[in-house]
Amino acid sequence: MALWVCEQCSTLYTVGASQCPQCGGKDYHENGARRVGAMKEKRKAKK
């Protein structure tokens, strides 16, 4: 079962919801999906 993960508070919630039920955030990524921005930050930290 797919879930969305809130970018602001990391709450898992139902796909298709209009916003995070915990904080009201509208930015999300799919649970288990790799975030491009997070990968870039890790690469910068290694340098």
Protein backbone atom coordinates (compact mmCIF):
# COMPACT_ATOMS: atom_id res chain seq x y z
CA MET A 1 0.00 0.00 0.00
CA ALA A 2 1.43 3.37 -1.01
CA LEU A 3 1.60 6.26 1.43
CA TRP A 4 2.74 9.85 1.17
CA VAL A 5 5.34 11.28 3.56
CA CYS A 6 4.99 14.91 4.58
CA GLU A 7 8.13 16.94 3.79
CA GLN A 8 7.62 19.15 6.84
CA CYS A 9 6.87 16.71 9.66
CA SER A 10 7.47 13.21 8.15
CA THR A 11 3.93 12.01 8.91
CA LEU A 12 2.73 9.11 6.74
CA TYR A 13 -0.71 9.70 5.27
CA THR A 14 -3.16 8.51 2.59
CA VAL A 15 -2.39 9.06 -1.08
CA GLY A 16 -4.77 11.63 -2.52
CA ALA A 17 -5.29 13.62 0.68
CA SER A 18 -5.32 17.37 0.08
CA GLN A 19 -2.75 18.03 2.85
CA CYS A 20 -0.94 16.46 5.78
CA PRO A 21 -3.40 15.71 8.60
CA GLN A 22 -0.74 16.49 11.23
CA CYS A 23 0.69 19.86 10.16
CA GLY A 24 -1.31 20.90 7.08
CA GLY A 25 1.74 20.76 4.79
CA LYS A 26 1.13 20.25 1.08
CA ASP A 27 4.60 19.03 0.05
CA TYR A 28 5.16 15.28 0.10
CA HIS A 29 7.02 12.37 -1.44
CA GLU A 30 5.90 8.78 -1.84
CA ASN A 31 6.97 6.42 0.93
CA GLY A 32 10.03 4.48 -0.23
CA ALA A 33 10.84 6.90 -3.06
CA ARG A 34 14.27 8.46 -3.07
CA ARG A 35 14.29 12.22 -2.89
CA VAL A 36 16.61 13.89 -5.40
CA GLY A 37 17.29 16.86 -3.12
CA ALA A 38 18.28 14.59 -0.24
CA MET A 39 20.71 12.69 -2.45
CA LYS A 40 22.37 15.92 -3.62
CA GLU A 41 22.79 17.06 0.01
CA LYS A 42 24.47 13.76 0.93
CA ARG A 43 26.88 14.06 -1.99
CA LYS A 44 27.84 17.61 -0.98
CA ALA A 45 28.46 16.50 2.60
CA LYS A 46 30.91 13.80 1.45
CA LYS A 47 33.11 16.32 -0.41
